[in-house]
N, C-alpha and C. Protein backbone atom coordinates (compact mmCIF):
# COMPACT_ATOMS: atom_id res chain seq x y z
N UNK A 1 136.14 114.56 76.85
CA UNK A 1 135.31 114.65 75.04
C UNK A 1 136.19 115.30 73.93
N UNK A 2 136.44 114.68 72.97
CA UNK A 2 137.12 115.31 71.33
C UNK A 2 136.06 115.51 70.67
N UNK A 3 136.49 116.34 69.91
CA UNK A 3 135.55 117.20 69.17
C UNK A 3 136.63 117.82 67.55
N UNK A 4 136.02 116.96 66.87
CA UNK A 4 137.01 116.96 65.10
C UNK A 4 136.20 118.04 64.28
N UNK A 5 137.11 119.01 64.04
CA UNK A 5 135.91 119.73 62.79
C UNK A 5 136.74 119.73 61.71
N UNK A 6 135.50 119.28 60.84
CA UNK A 6 135.89 118.29 59.05
C UNK A 6 135.28 119.25 58.47
N UNK A 7 136.14 119.95 56.89
CA UNK A 7 135.69 120.32 56.49
C UNK A 7 135.70 119.94 55.20
N UNK A 8 134.31 119.94 54.77
CA UNK A 8 133.03 119.26 53.83
C UNK A 8 133.26 120.50 52.26
N UNK A 9 131.77 119.93 52.26
CA UNK A 9 131.41 120.95 50.71
C UNK A 9 130.34 120.92 50.89
N UNK A 10 129.56 122.89 50.72
CA UNK A 10 128.18 123.21 50.18
C UNK A 10 127.14 122.23 48.94
N UNK A 11 128.76 121.77 48.01
CA UNK A 11 127.92 120.83 47.24
C UNK A 11 126.96 119.97 47.57
N UNK A 12 127.88 119.17 48.16
CA UNK A 12 127.43 118.15 49.15
C UNK A 12 125.59 118.25 48.84
N UNK A 13 125.17 118.97 49.46
CA UNK A 13 123.90 119.55 49.47
C UNK A 13 122.68 120.24 47.33
N UNK A 14 123.97 120.59 47.26
CA UNK A 14 123.91 121.41 45.72
C UNK A 14 121.91 120.73 44.87
N UNK A 15 122.21 119.55 45.31
CA UNK A 15 121.28 119.06 43.93
C UNK A 15 119.32 119.16 45.11
N UNK A 16 119.85 119.95 46.31
CA UNK A 16 118.54 120.09 47.05
C UNK A 16 118.40 121.27 46.98
N UNK A 17 118.84 122.12 46.09
CA UNK A 17 118.35 123.77 46.35
C UNK A 17 117.37 124.04 45.95
N UNK A 18 116.43 124.96 46.18
CA UNK A 18 115.25 125.36 46.23
C UNK A 18 115.35 126.13 44.63
N UNK A 19 113.40 126.47 43.76
CA UNK A 19 113.39 126.56 42.79
C UNK A 19 114.74 127.91 42.61
N UNK A 20 115.19 128.73 43.89
CA UNK A 20 115.83 129.92 43.78
C UNK A 20 116.97 130.02 43.89
N UNK A 21 117.00 128.75 43.98
CA UNK A 21 118.97 128.53 44.07
C UNK A 21 119.33 128.44 45.31
N UNK A 22 118.39 127.97 47.13
CA UNK A 22 119.05 128.76 48.49
C UNK A 22 118.78 127.22 48.53
N UNK A 23 119.86 126.76 49.82
CA UNK A 23 119.77 125.71 50.57
C UNK A 23 119.93 126.28 52.03
N UNK A 24 119.64 125.56 52.95
CA UNK A 24 120.39 125.81 54.54
C UNK A 24 120.15 124.44 55.37
N UNK A 25 120.46 124.51 56.47
CA UNK A 25 121.40 123.08 56.84
C UNK A 25 119.94 122.25 56.56
N UNK A 26 118.74 122.29 55.93
CA UNK A 26 118.02 121.35 56.71
C UNK A 26 117.82 120.47 54.94
N UNK A 27 118.48 121.48 54.41
CA UNK A 27 118.64 120.75 52.76
C UNK A 27 119.73 118.79 52.66
N UNK A 28 118.54 117.48 52.21
CA UNK A 28 118.84 116.86 52.11
C UNK A 28 120.11 116.31 51.83
N UNK A 29 121.01 115.84 51.74
CA UNK A 29 122.46 115.27 50.46
C UNK A 29 122.11 114.78 49.45
N UNK A 30 122.53 115.67 48.17
CA UNK A 30 122.55 115.85 47.06
C UNK A 30 123.40 115.96 46.40
N UNK A 31 124.58 114.85 46.60
CA UNK A 31 125.37 115.69 44.96
C UNK A 31 125.24 115.62 44.39
N UNK A 32 125.72 116.02 43.06
CA UNK A 32 125.63 116.24 41.91
C UNK A 32 127.17 115.90 40.94
N UNK A 33 128.28 116.39 41.58
CA UNK A 33 129.37 116.00 40.91
C UNK A 33 129.77 114.53 41.49
N UNK A 34 131.31 114.18 41.09
CA UNK A 34 131.82 113.53 41.60
C UNK A 34 132.77 113.31 43.16
N UNK A 35 132.90 115.19 42.60
CA UNK A 35 133.77 115.38 43.74
C UNK A 35 132.93 115.74 44.90
N UNK A 36 131.54 115.92 44.86
CA UNK A 36 130.35 116.59 45.76
C UNK A 36 130.26 114.90 46.58
N UNK A 37 130.29 113.77 46.04
CA UNK A 37 129.76 112.43 46.19
C UNK A 37 131.21 111.99 47.22
N UNK A 38 132.81 112.47 46.84
CA UNK A 38 133.41 111.55 47.81
C UNK A 38 133.59 112.71 48.98
N UNK A 39 132.76 113.87 49.26
CA UNK A 39 132.71 114.65 50.24
C UNK A 39 131.36 114.12 51.56
N UNK A 40 130.38 114.17 50.01
CA UNK A 40 129.71 112.80 51.42
C UNK A 40 130.29 111.69 52.00
N UNK A 41 131.00 111.00 51.12
CA UNK A 41 131.00 109.77 51.45
C UNK A 41 132.36 109.56 52.62
N UNK A 42 132.66 110.93 52.50
CA UNK A 42 134.07 111.19 54.05
C UNK A 42 133.35 111.71 55.22
N UNK A 43 131.96 112.50 54.58
CA UNK A 43 131.04 112.70 55.94
C UNK A 43 131.06 110.95 57.06
N UNK A 44 130.07 110.50 55.93
CA UNK A 44 129.35 109.29 56.31
C UNK A 44 130.74 108.87 56.79
N UNK A 45 132.10 108.65 56.56
CA UNK A 45 132.72 108.00 56.87
C UNK A 45 133.48 108.51 58.52
N UNK A 46 134.04 109.70 58.62
CA UNK A 46 133.74 110.26 59.95
C UNK A 46 132.70 110.17 60.98
N UNK A 47 131.52 110.22 60.27
CA UNK A 47 130.03 109.88 61.41
C UNK A 47 130.56 108.50 61.97
N UNK A 48 130.82 107.07 60.94
CA UNK A 48 131.05 105.71 61.64
C UNK A 48 132.26 106.02 62.25
N UNK A 49 133.36 106.74 61.99
CA UNK A 49 134.66 106.36 63.30
C UNK A 49 133.84 107.18 64.33
N UNK A 50 133.52 108.20 65.09
CA UNK A 50 132.97 108.82 66.03
C UNK A 50 131.79 108.02 66.59
N UNK A 51 130.71 107.08 65.82
CA UNK A 51 129.92 106.65 67.07
C UNK A 51 130.53 105.66 67.29
N UNK A 52 129.69 105.68 68.77
CA UNK A 52 130.23 105.16 69.95
C UNK A 52 131.26 105.13 70.78
N UNK A 53 131.67 106.26 69.89
CA UNK A 53 133.08 107.17 71.42
C UNK A 53 133.11 108.26 71.46
N UNK A 54 134.39 108.84 72.55
CA UNK A 54 133.71 110.01 72.84
C UNK A 54 134.50 110.97 71.98
N UNK A 55 134.44 110.91 70.81
CA UNK A 55 134.59 112.15 69.70
C UNK A 55 133.33 112.42 69.33
N UNK A 56 133.13 113.85 69.02
CA UNK A 56 132.07 114.81 68.39
C UNK A 56 132.59 115.64 67.23
N UNK A 57 131.59 115.84 66.26
CA UNK A 57 132.40 116.49 65.16
C UNK A 57 131.41 117.37 65.02
N UNK A 58 131.87 118.27 64.31
CA UNK A 58 131.31 119.32 63.62
C UNK A 58 131.93 120.02 61.97
N UNK A 59 130.73 119.29 61.10
CA UNK A 59 131.41 119.66 59.86
C UNK A 59 131.12 120.43 59.22
N UNK A 60 132.28 121.49 58.57
CA UNK A 60 131.19 122.29 58.30
C UNK A 60 131.30 122.82 57.04
N UNK A 61 130.06 122.89 56.08
CA UNK A 61 129.96 123.02 54.30
C UNK A 61 130.09 123.96 53.58
N UNK A 62 131.50 124.85 53.27
CA UNK A 62 131.80 125.92 52.68
C UNK A 62 131.16 125.96 51.07
N UNK A 63 130.63 126.79 50.24
CA UNK A 63 131.01 127.05 49.10
C UNK A 63 132.24 127.31 47.97
N UNK A 64 132.70 127.58 47.22
CA UNK A 64 133.57 128.04 46.31
C UNK A 64 134.29 128.67 47.02
N UNK A 65 135.47 128.07 47.62
CA UNK A 65 136.88 128.96 48.23
C UNK A 65 137.66 129.81 47.02
N UNK A 66 137.87 131.05 47.93
CA UNK A 66 138.61 131.83 46.72
C UNK A 66 139.94 132.67 48.13
N UNK A 67 140.58 132.81 46.82
CA UNK A 67 141.85 134.32 47.99
C UNK A 67 143.07 134.18 46.98
N UNK A 68 144.17 134.63 47.48
CA UNK A 68 145.39 134.68 46.75
C UNK A 68 145.73 133.49 46.52
N UNK A 69 146.09 133.86 44.85
CA UNK A 69 147.11 132.76 44.91
C UNK A 69 145.52 131.71 43.95
N UNK A 70 144.44 132.08 44.06
CA UNK A 70 142.97 130.72 44.02
C UNK A 70 143.50 130.04 42.46
N UNK A 71 142.99 128.50 42.37
CA UNK A 71 143.17 128.24 41.37
C UNK A 71 140.78 127.90 41.37
N UNK A 72 141.09 126.62 40.39
CA UNK A 72 139.94 126.29 40.12
C UNK A 72 139.27 127.90 40.12
N UNK A 73 137.75 127.45 39.32
CA UNK A 73 136.66 128.95 38.79
C UNK A 73 137.19 130.72 39.53
N UNK A 74 137.70 131.08 40.56
CA UNK A 74 137.95 131.99 40.62
C UNK A 74 139.71 132.15 39.89
N UNK A 75 140.87 131.65 40.36
CA UNK A 75 141.59 131.86 39.21
C UNK A 75 141.99 131.65 37.43
N UNK A 76 140.82 130.96 37.62
CA UNK A 76 140.85 131.18 36.01
C UNK A 76 139.86 132.86 35.31
N UNK A 77 139.05 132.72 36.15
CA UNK A 77 138.57 134.54 35.60
C UNK A 77 139.37 134.84 35.81
N UNK A 78 140.69 134.75 37.22
CA UNK A 78 141.69 135.91 37.37
C UNK A 78 142.19 136.14 36.03
N UNK A 79 142.51 134.67 35.62
CA UNK A 79 143.21 134.86 34.42
C UNK A 79 142.45 135.06 33.08
N UNK A 80 141.52 134.95 32.98
CA UNK A 80 140.74 135.75 31.67
C UNK A 80 140.55 137.41 31.62
N UNK A 81 140.76 137.49 32.94
CA UNK A 81 140.18 139.39 33.42
C UNK A 81 141.73 139.69 32.74
N UNK A 82 142.95 139.42 32.97
CA UNK A 82 143.99 139.79 33.06
C UNK A 82 144.71 139.80 31.18
N UNK A 83 144.03 139.03 31.04
CA UNK A 83 143.94 138.49 29.12
C UNK A 83 143.54 138.89 28.57
N UNK A 84 143.00 139.73 28.60
CA UNK A 84 141.90 140.70 28.13
C UNK A 84 140.87 140.50 27.24
N UNK A 85 140.78 139.00 27.23
CA UNK A 85 139.63 138.31 26.10
C UNK A 85 138.24 138.22 26.50
N UNK A 86 137.41 138.88 25.69
CA UNK A 86 136.05 139.05 26.07
C UNK A 86 135.30 137.63 27.09
N UNK A 87 134.46 137.28 27.62
CA UNK A 87 134.05 137.03 27.79
C UNK A 87 132.35 137.03 28.32
N UNK A 88 131.90 135.70 27.66
CA UNK A 88 130.31 135.73 27.73
C UNK A 88 129.46 136.15 28.89
N UNK A 89 129.70 136.32 29.71
CA UNK A 89 129.27 135.84 31.06
C UNK A 89 128.59 137.22 31.74
N UNK A 90 127.85 138.00 31.08
CA UNK A 90 126.99 139.18 31.38
C UNK A 90 125.93 138.98 31.93
N UNK A 91 125.33 137.62 31.25
CA UNK A 91 123.86 137.48 31.79
C UNK A 91 124.25 136.40 33.33
N UNK A 92 125.56 136.45 33.23
CA UNK A 92 125.37 135.13 34.58
C UNK A 92 125.20 136.14 35.99
N UNK A 93 124.51 136.18 36.26
CA UNK A 93 123.53 137.29 37.16
C UNK A 93 122.83 136.59 38.24
N UNK A 94 122.98 134.82 38.08
CA UNK A 94 122.53 134.67 39.29
C UNK A 94 122.73 134.61 40.55
N UNK A 95 122.39 134.65 41.38
CA UNK A 95 123.13 135.28 43.10
C UNK A 95 124.00 133.85 43.48
N UNK A 96 125.05 134.12 43.94
CA UNK A 96 126.01 132.73 44.37
C UNK A 96 126.33 132.91 45.70
N UNK A 97 126.52 132.15 46.70
CA UNK A 97 127.84 132.71 47.83
C UNK A 97 128.66 131.80 47.17
N UNK A 98 130.01 132.54 48.44
CA UNK A 98 130.77 132.26 48.28
C UNK A 98 131.93 132.02 49.64
N UNK A 99 133.12 131.90 49.82
CA UNK A 99 133.67 131.97 50.50
C UNK A 99 135.29 132.72 51.30
N UNK A 100 135.52 133.43 51.44
CA UNK A 100 137.10 134.11 51.16
C UNK A 100 137.86 132.68 52.20
N UNK A 101 138.79 132.49 51.41
CA UNK A 101 139.37 131.76 52.66
C UNK A 101 140.00 132.08 54.05
N UNK A 102 140.21 134.41 54.03
CA UNK A 102 140.32 134.44 55.51
C UNK A 102 139.02 133.98 56.67
N UNK A 103 137.85 134.11 55.37
CA UNK A 103 137.03 133.77 56.48
C UNK A 103 135.98 131.97 56.44
N UNK A 104 136.70 131.30 56.09
CA UNK A 104 136.83 130.06 56.33
C UNK A 104 137.56 129.85 57.35
N UNK A 105 139.01 130.14 57.17
CA UNK A 105 140.11 129.95 58.41
C UNK A 105 139.16 130.55 59.86
N UNK A 106 138.65 131.52 59.51
CA UNK A 106 137.76 132.25 60.86
C UNK A 106 136.80 131.41 61.37
N UNK A 107 135.87 130.75 60.49
CA UNK A 107 135.12 129.71 60.53
C UNK A 107 135.09 128.72 61.81
N UNK A 108 136.79 128.69 60.77
CA UNK A 108 136.98 126.93 61.48
C UNK A 108 137.19 127.35 62.88
N UNK A 109 138.23 128.25 62.74
CA UNK A 109 138.78 128.70 64.00
C UNK A 109 137.58 128.75 65.12
N UNK A 110 136.53 129.78 64.66
CA UNK A 110 135.61 129.56 65.79
C UNK A 110 134.83 128.58 65.97
N UNK A 111 134.70 127.05 65.28
CA UNK A 111 134.28 125.91 65.92
C UNK A 111 134.96 125.23 66.44
N UNK A 112 136.15 125.51 66.54
CA UNK A 112 137.85 124.94 66.94
C UNK A 112 137.59 125.38 68.05
N UNK A 113 136.67 126.81 68.84
CA UNK A 113 136.77 127.44 69.73
C UNK A 113 136.18 127.35 70.99
N UNK A 114 134.97 126.61 70.34
CA UNK A 114 133.26 125.67 70.85
C UNK A 114 133.60 125.21 71.76
N UNK A 115 133.53 123.95 73.11
CA UNK A 115 133.35 122.91 73.38
C UNK A 115 132.73 121.79 72.88
N UNK A 116 133.57 121.05 73.32
CA UNK A 116 133.01 119.64 72.49
C UNK A 116 131.32 119.90 72.38
N UNK A 117 130.90 119.81 71.54
CA UNK A 117 129.10 119.65 71.35
C UNK A 117 129.02 118.24 72.01
N UNK A 118 128.01 118.19 72.88
CA UNK A 118 127.28 117.29 73.45
C UNK A 118 126.39 116.50 72.33
N UNK A 119 126.21 116.77 71.11
CA UNK A 119 125.62 116.50 69.47
C UNK A 119 126.17 116.91 68.50
N UNK A 120 126.51 115.80 67.77
CA UNK A 120 127.78 116.67 66.16
C UNK A 120 126.86 117.00 65.63
N UNK A 121 126.86 118.31 64.95
CA UNK A 121 126.74 119.11 63.94
C UNK A 121 127.18 119.14 62.66
N UNK A 122 126.30 119.64 61.27
CA UNK A 122 126.46 120.30 60.16
C UNK A 122 126.26 121.30 59.97
N UNK A 123 126.68 121.78 59.82
CA UNK A 123 126.52 123.78 59.49
C UNK A 123 127.11 123.44 57.63
N UNK A 124 126.44 124.65 57.20
CA UNK A 124 126.96 125.56 56.17
C UNK A 124 127.80 126.74 56.36
N UNK A 125 128.36 127.05 55.51
CA UNK A 125 128.88 128.65 56.06
C UNK A 125 128.98 129.07 54.45
N UNK A 126 129.85 130.55 54.59
CA UNK A 126 129.59 131.57 53.38
C UNK A 126 130.00 132.44 53.39
N UNK A 127 130.39 133.23 53.26
CA UNK A 127 130.65 135.04 53.18
C UNK A 127 129.20 135.77 53.79
N UNK A 128 129.34 136.52 54.01
CA UNK A 128 127.85 137.02 54.13
C UNK A 128 126.91 137.36 53.28
N UNK A 129 127.48 137.76 52.53
CA UNK A 129 126.85 138.59 51.31
C UNK A 129 127.07 137.58 50.28
N UNK A 130 125.83 136.89 49.29
CA UNK A 130 125.92 136.41 48.05
C UNK A 130 125.76 137.56 46.95
N UNK A 131 127.15 137.11 45.84
CA UNK A 131 126.86 138.14 44.57
C UNK A 131 126.88 137.50 43.58
N UNK A 132 127.62 137.50 42.02
CA UNK A 132 126.94 136.83 41.24
C UNK A 132 128.43 137.11 40.16
N UNK A 133 128.86 135.74 39.61
CA UNK A 133 129.86 135.47 38.52
C UNK A 133 129.84 136.84 37.83
N UNK A 134 128.63 137.81 37.44
CA UNK A 134 129.56 138.97 36.64
C UNK A 134 130.01 139.87 37.51
N UNK A 135 129.61 140.17 38.71
CA UNK A 135 129.67 141.42 40.04
C UNK A 135 131.03 140.73 39.83
N UNK A 136 131.51 139.78 40.35
CA UNK A 136 132.51 139.30 40.46
C UNK A 136 133.84 139.24 39.95
N UNK A 137 133.72 139.77 38.28
CA UNK A 137 134.41 139.70 37.82
C UNK A 137 134.74 141.00 37.03
N UNK A 138 134.00 141.99 37.73
CA UNK A 138 133.71 143.16 37.31
C UNK A 138 134.55 143.74 38.77
N UNK A 139 134.73 143.09 39.33
CA UNK A 139 135.49 143.38 41.45
C UNK A 139 136.72 143.32 40.48
N UNK A 140 136.72 141.97 40.47
CA UNK A 140 138.90 141.15 39.76
C UNK A 140 139.39 142.46 38.76
N UNK A 141 138.16 142.86 37.89
CA UNK A 141 138.95 143.84 36.82
C UNK A 141 138.97 145.48 37.24
N UNK A 142 138.27 145.43 38.88
CA UNK A 142 138.08 146.66 39.45
C UNK A 142 140.00 147.02 40.20
N UNK A 143 140.36 145.68 40.70
CA UNK A 143 141.12 145.67 41.35
C UNK A 143 142.72 145.17 41.22
N UNK A 144 142.41 144.29 39.25
CA UNK A 144 143.23 144.19 38.74
C UNK A 144 143.79 146.12 37.92
N UNK A 145 142.76 147.00 37.73
CA UNK A 145 143.19 148.16 36.75
C UNK A 145 142.89 147.86 35.30
N UNK A 146 142.01 146.94 35.49
CA UNK A 146 141.69 146.42 34.19
C UNK A 146 139.79 147.11 33.44
N UNK A 147 139.64 146.54 32.06
CA UNK A 147 138.03 146.87 31.70
C UNK A 147 137.82 145.38 32.06
N UNK A 148 136.58 144.54 32.41
CA UNK A 148 135.95 143.85 32.43
C UNK A 148 135.12 143.84 30.65
N UNK A 149 135.40 142.81 30.19
CA UNK A 149 135.12 142.43 28.40
C UNK A 149 134.07 141.28 28.88
N UNK A 150 133.29 142.46 29.60
CA UNK A 150 131.88 141.19 29.30
C UNK A 150 131.32 141.26 28.76
N UNK A 151 130.45 140.42 27.84
CA UNK A 151 128.96 140.51 26.81
C UNK A 151 128.21 139.65 26.99
N UNK A 152 126.84 140.34 26.54
CA UNK A 152 125.95 138.91 26.63
C UNK A 152 125.79 138.04 25.94
N UNK A 153 125.61 136.32 26.15
CA UNK A 153 124.48 135.62 24.78
C UNK A 153 124.19 135.38 25.62
N UNK A 154 122.79 134.63 24.41
CA UNK A 154 121.46 133.75 25.49
C UNK A 154 122.39 132.43 26.05
N UNK A 155 121.68 132.21 26.87
CA UNK A 155 121.89 131.23 27.63
C UNK A 155 121.80 129.67 27.05
N UNK A 156 120.32 129.62 25.87
CA UNK A 156 120.10 128.24 25.24
C UNK A 156 121.15 128.21 23.68
N UNK A 157 122.30 129.60 23.57
CA UNK A 157 123.07 129.13 22.76
C UNK A 157 124.12 128.98 23.61
N UNK A 158 124.76 129.20 24.50
CA UNK A 158 125.72 129.04 26.29
C UNK A 158 125.66 127.55 26.10
N UNK A 159 124.66 127.34 26.53
CA UNK A 159 124.84 126.07 27.49
C UNK A 159 125.03 125.17 26.78
N UNK A 160 124.52 125.06 25.38
CA UNK A 160 125.09 123.45 24.57
C UNK A 160 126.86 123.17 24.06
N UNK A 161 127.05 124.89 24.09
CA UNK A 161 128.48 125.09 24.10
C UNK A 161 129.55 123.92 25.03
N UNK A 162 129.07 124.68 26.81
CA UNK A 162 129.78 123.90 28.19
C UNK A 162 129.19 123.07 27.57
N UNK A 163 128.05 122.03 27.31
CA UNK A 163 127.99 120.60 27.70
C UNK A 163 128.85 119.49 26.38
N UNK A 164 128.84 120.95 25.14
CA UNK A 164 129.56 119.74 24.41
C UNK A 164 130.96 119.83 24.51
N UNK A 165 131.78 121.12 25.38
CA UNK A 165 132.98 120.84 25.65
C UNK A 165 133.69 120.91 27.06
N UNK A 166 132.61 119.12 27.66
CA UNK A 166 132.55 118.74 28.83
C UNK A 166 132.49 119.54 29.77
N UNK A 167 131.68 120.54 29.81
CA UNK A 167 132.27 121.78 31.46
C UNK A 167 130.90 121.86 31.48
N UNK A 168 129.62 121.22 31.61
CA UNK A 168 128.33 120.64 32.52
C UNK A 168 128.39 121.40 34.25
N UNK A 169 129.68 120.59 34.57
CA UNK A 169 130.35 121.44 36.17
C UNK A 169 129.66 122.86 35.88
N UNK A 170 130.81 123.42 35.50
CA UNK A 170 131.61 124.66 35.42
C UNK A 170 130.31 125.13 34.62
N UNK A 171 129.21 124.89 33.60
CA UNK A 171 127.76 125.83 34.09
C UNK A 171 127.43 126.12 35.26
N UNK A 172 127.58 125.28 35.65
CA UNK A 172 126.15 124.89 37.32
C UNK A 172 126.52 126.29 38.15
N UNK A 173 128.24 125.89 38.41
CA UNK A 173 128.98 126.97 38.65
C UNK A 173 129.16 128.26 38.78
N UNK A 174 129.38 128.49 37.55
CA UNK A 174 129.10 129.81 36.79
C UNK A 174 127.67 131.06 36.79
N UNK A 175 126.79 129.94 36.25
CA UNK A 175 125.30 130.71 36.13
C UNK A 175 124.45 130.23 36.48
N UNK A 176 125.00 129.42 37.31
CA UNK A 176 122.73 128.94 37.83
C UNK A 176 123.08 129.58 39.35
N UNK A 177 121.71 129.74 40.17
CA UNK A 177 121.62 130.19 41.16
C UNK A 177 122.78 129.29 42.26
N UNK A 178 122.78 129.89 43.34
CA UNK A 178 123.17 128.70 44.54
C UNK A 178 123.97 129.86 45.44
N UNK A 179 123.06 130.16 46.49
CA UNK A 179 123.02 130.89 47.82
C UNK A 179 122.78 129.91 48.79
N UNK A 180 123.46 130.38 49.93
CA UNK A 180 123.62 129.20 51.35
C UNK A 180 123.24 130.44 52.46
N UNK A 181 122.40 129.44 53.32
CA UNK A 181 121.81 130.40 54.74
C UNK A 181 122.93 129.17 56.02
N UNK A 182 123.43 130.99 56.09
CA UNK A 182 124.85 130.33 57.47
C UNK A 182 124.41 131.05 58.58
N UNK A 183 122.79 130.91 58.86
CA UNK A 183 122.61 131.55 59.88
C UNK A 183 122.57 129.95 61.29
N UNK A 184 122.49 129.25 60.93
CA UNK A 184 122.50 128.13 62.18
C UNK A 184 123.78 128.20 62.75
N UNK A 185 125.49 128.09 62.02
CA UNK A 185 126.64 128.31 62.60
C UNK A 185 126.60 129.27 63.00
N UNK A 186 126.38 130.40 62.67
CA UNK A 186 126.79 131.98 63.34
C UNK A 186 126.45 131.94 64.66
N UNK A 187 125.07 131.37 64.78
CA UNK A 187 124.48 131.36 66.10
C UNK A 187 125.24 130.64 67.04
N UNK A 188 125.35 129.42 66.38
CA UNK A 188 126.24 128.90 67.48
C UNK A 188 127.77 128.56 67.90
N UNK A 189 127.79 129.29 66.34
CA UNK A 189 129.62 129.34 67.08
C UNK A 189 129.59 131.17 67.26
N UNK A 190 128.56 131.98 67.44
CA UNK A 190 128.39 133.33 67.75
C UNK A 190 129.83 134.02 66.42
N UNK A 191 129.75 133.91 65.80
CA UNK A 191 130.36 133.96 64.50
C UNK A 191 129.53 134.84 62.97
N UNK A 192 130.45 135.98 62.43
CA UNK A 192 131.05 136.62 61.71
C UNK A 192 131.67 136.86 60.70
N UNK A 193 131.78 136.86 59.27
CA UNK A 193 132.68 136.33 58.32
C UNK A 193 133.50 137.98 58.97
N UNK A 194 134.76 137.74 58.71
CA UNK A 194 134.96 139.39 59.58
C UNK A 194 135.56 140.26 57.70
N UNK A 195 135.31 139.29 56.97
CA UNK A 195 136.22 140.30 55.75
C UNK A 195 135.09 140.44 54.30
N UNK A 196 134.35 141.56 53.94
CA UNK A 196 133.43 141.70 53.68
C UNK A 196 134.47 141.09 51.47
N UNK A 197 133.30 141.03 51.48
CA UNK A 197 133.34 140.18 49.28
C UNK A 197 134.17 141.32 48.92
N UNK A 198 134.09 142.48 49.38
CA UNK A 198 134.73 143.53 48.34
C UNK A 198 135.96 143.52 49.04
N UNK A 199 136.36 143.24 50.04
CA UNK A 199 137.63 143.56 50.54
C UNK A 199 138.12 142.22 49.79
N UNK A 200 137.20 141.12 50.46
CA UNK A 200 137.97 139.77 50.86
C UNK A 200 138.92 139.44 48.75
N UNK A 201 137.98 139.99 47.94
CA UNK A 201 138.61 140.43 46.14
C UNK A 201 139.67 141.10 46.07
N UNK A 202 139.66 142.18 47.01
CA UNK A 202 140.90 143.27 46.89
C UNK A 202 141.99 142.74 47.34
N UNK A 203 141.66 142.28 48.21
CA UNK A 203 143.10 141.10 49.78
C UNK A 203 143.70 140.40 48.56
N UNK A 204 142.61 139.64 48.04
CA UNK A 204 143.03 138.23 46.74
C UNK A 204 144.04 138.87 45.64
N UNK A 205 143.47 139.73 44.90
CA UNK A 205 144.46 140.50 43.98
C UNK A 205 145.20 140.87 44.21
N UNK A 206 145.44 141.81 44.95
CA UNK A 206 146.65 142.65 46.18
C UNK A 206 147.85 141.15 46.18
N UNK A 207 147.75 140.37 47.16
CA UNK A 207 148.70 139.59 47.21
C UNK A 207 148.75 138.43 46.10
N UNK A 208 147.98 138.45 44.99
CA UNK A 208 148.37 137.82 43.74
C UNK A 208 148.91 138.43 42.92
N UNK A 209 148.89 139.93 43.06
CA UNK A 209 149.58 140.96 42.17
C UNK A 209 151.62 140.29 42.76
N UNK A 210 151.29 140.85 44.22
CA UNK A 210 152.80 140.30 45.06
C UNK A 210 153.34 139.47 44.88
N UNK A 211 152.69 138.56 44.28
CA UNK A 211 153.74 137.42 44.56
C UNK A 211 154.20 136.93 43.21
N UNK A 212 152.90 137.34 42.25
CA UNK A 212 153.83 137.53 40.64
C UNK A 212 154.93 138.35 40.31
N UNK A 213 155.65 139.70 41.28
CA UNK A 213 156.09 140.26 41.37
C UNK A 213 157.70 139.79 42.06
N UNK A 214 157.63 139.37 43.22
CA UNK A 214 158.53 138.40 43.53
C UNK A 214 159.07 137.32 42.92
N UNK A 215 158.03 136.83 41.90
CA UNK A 215 158.46 135.45 41.01
C UNK A 215 159.86 136.49 40.40
């Protein structure tokens, strides 16, 4: 029997968050973006390919991945902190789950190391502890030796601006709660995220600066 490990996205279930923004593996698929829809479709194609064969699959659904030279929102936050531009993110205090690239690699390795399962599995994975966008910016600034220039702005004034700029998805990623219960995968794979969130940001920033100096 063969075992396929596929990396999907926690955004597949983003629309099934509870009122406090929490999801676990019982959440039904409810993608809210084209990217999440494409990931869900890939999951379904994988299931079709494996159906009736000796292939078994484990699907891992991570949240936003960050690390050295990361793109996406983490990369944008790093560049904004380095620029010194004030950011209206002091109110971005909703709890959010992320995953450091080394923790993601560790989770994949743990899944691969398992013997082929008797049944197909789908698991949410994340760093051990959630954080917030505001705290992430503070940590980035600390590691960069800069001051996090955050200021508060009422959400009722800020959200329409994001919508006007076509940044509805970015609003959700920055301000809305989205926490993940990864206990099922941790139990199944006997896995614990090896790098803490604090150390993950420190390592990300240190390697980013080393890469910049090398260039």
